[in-house]
Protein backbone atom coordinates (compact mmCIF):
# COMPACT_ATOMS: atom_id res chain seq x y z
CA MET A 1 -6.09 -2.44 -36.57
CA PRO A 2 -3.30 -1.86 -39.11
CA GLU A 3 -0.59 -4.48 -39.44
CA ILE A 4 2.73 -3.38 -37.95
CA ASP A 5 5.79 -3.67 -40.19
CA LEU A 6 8.51 -5.45 -38.25
CA SER A 7 10.78 -6.19 -41.22
CA TRP A 8 13.44 -3.92 -39.71
CA ARG A 9 14.07 -6.53 -37.02
CA SER A 10 15.99 -8.80 -39.39
CA SER A 11 18.55 -6.01 -39.91
CA GLY A 12 19.16 -5.36 -36.24
CA ALA A 13 22.69 -5.51 -34.84
CA CYS A 14 21.20 -7.71 -32.10
CA GLN A 15 20.42 -10.57 -34.49
CA GLY A 16 22.08 -13.76 -33.30
CA LEU A 17 23.09 -12.35 -29.93
CA ASP A 18 21.88 -13.72 -26.62
CA PRO A 19 18.57 -11.93 -25.86
CA GLN A 20 19.53 -11.79 -22.17
CA ILE A 21 21.98 -9.02 -23.08
CA PHE A 22 18.96 -6.82 -23.77
CA TYR A 23 17.11 -7.78 -20.59
CA PRO A 24 19.66 -7.09 -17.83
CA ASP A 25 18.81 -7.73 -14.20
CA ASN A 26 18.76 -3.98 -13.53
CA GLU A 27 18.88 -0.74 -15.48
CA GLU A 28 22.45 -0.01 -14.42
CA ASN A 29 23.66 -3.06 -16.38
CA CYS A 30 22.52 -1.85 -19.80
CA SER A 31 25.91 -0.83 -21.16
CA GLN A 32 26.53 -3.97 -23.23
CA ALA A 33 23.12 -3.74 -24.92
CA LYS A 34 23.44 -0.01 -25.49
CA SER A 35 26.84 -0.57 -27.07
CA VAL A 36 25.29 -2.98 -29.59
CA CYS A 37 22.44 -0.54 -30.25
CA SER A 38 24.81 2.37 -30.84
CA GLU A 39 26.13 0.62 -33.96
CA CYS A 40 22.72 -0.50 -35.23
CA LYS A 41 21.30 0.85 -38.48
CA VAL A 42 17.69 0.23 -37.39
CA ARG A 43 17.99 1.77 -33.92
CA ILE A 44 15.41 4.49 -34.63
CA ALA A 45 12.86 1.99 -35.99
CA CYS A 46 13.44 -0.17 -32.92
CA LEU A 47 13.01 2.75 -30.54
CA THR A 48 9.88 3.92 -32.35
CA TYR A 49 8.40 0.43 -32.10
CA ALA A 50 9.20 0.24 -28.38
CA LEU A 51 7.64 3.63 -27.70
CA ASP A 52 4.54 2.93 -29.79
CA SER A 53 3.99 -0.49 -28.23
CA ARG A 54 4.90 0.70 -24.72
CA GLU A 55 7.60 -1.94 -24.17
CA LYS A 56 8.04 -2.05 -20.41
CA GLN A 57 11.19 -4.14 -20.19
CA GLY A 58 14.55 -4.43 -21.82
CA VAL A 59 16.75 -2.25 -23.98
CA TRP A 60 15.16 -1.16 -27.25
CA GLY A 61 16.69 1.29 -29.67
CA GLY A 62 19.48 2.04 -27.24
CA THR A 63 17.17 3.04 -24.39
CA SER A 64 16.26 1.44 -21.09
CA ALA A 65 12.68 1.12 -19.88
CA ARG A 66 13.19 4.12 -17.59
CA GLU A 67 14.54 6.24 -20.45
CA ARG A 68 11.57 5.29 -22.65
CA ARG A 69 9.11 6.24 -19.92
CA LYS A 70 10.80 9.64 -19.72
CA LEU A 71 10.62 10.02 -23.53
CA LEU A 72 6.91 9.17 -23.47
CA ARG A 73 6.24 11.75 -20.75
CA THR A 74 8.15 14.35 -22.77
CA ARG A 75 6.23 13.35 -25.90
CA ARG A 76 2.89 13.87 -24.12
CA THR A 77 3.77 17.35 -22.86
CA ALA A 78 5.19 18.53 -26.20
C-alpha cells in the first residue's frame, strides 16, 4: 500500500484551533468550521484526503460528513 502524503496538514488553517470546532454535535452546527476552511489554502487537499479515506465524521475541506457522502455518490455515478 502506498504511503499517503499528509504534509499538507501542517499548513491547514485549523492548526492550533480546538479540534471540537470540526466535530460539532450535529451537522447544522458546522458554520464555524466551514468558515475556517473557507480561508484555508489546503482545503482541496484536505477534502481529497477525506473523500479518499472515507472520513465519516467531522468537517474536512469545508464539507460535512453528509456533504461528503453526497460527493462520493456523485463521483460513483459520473
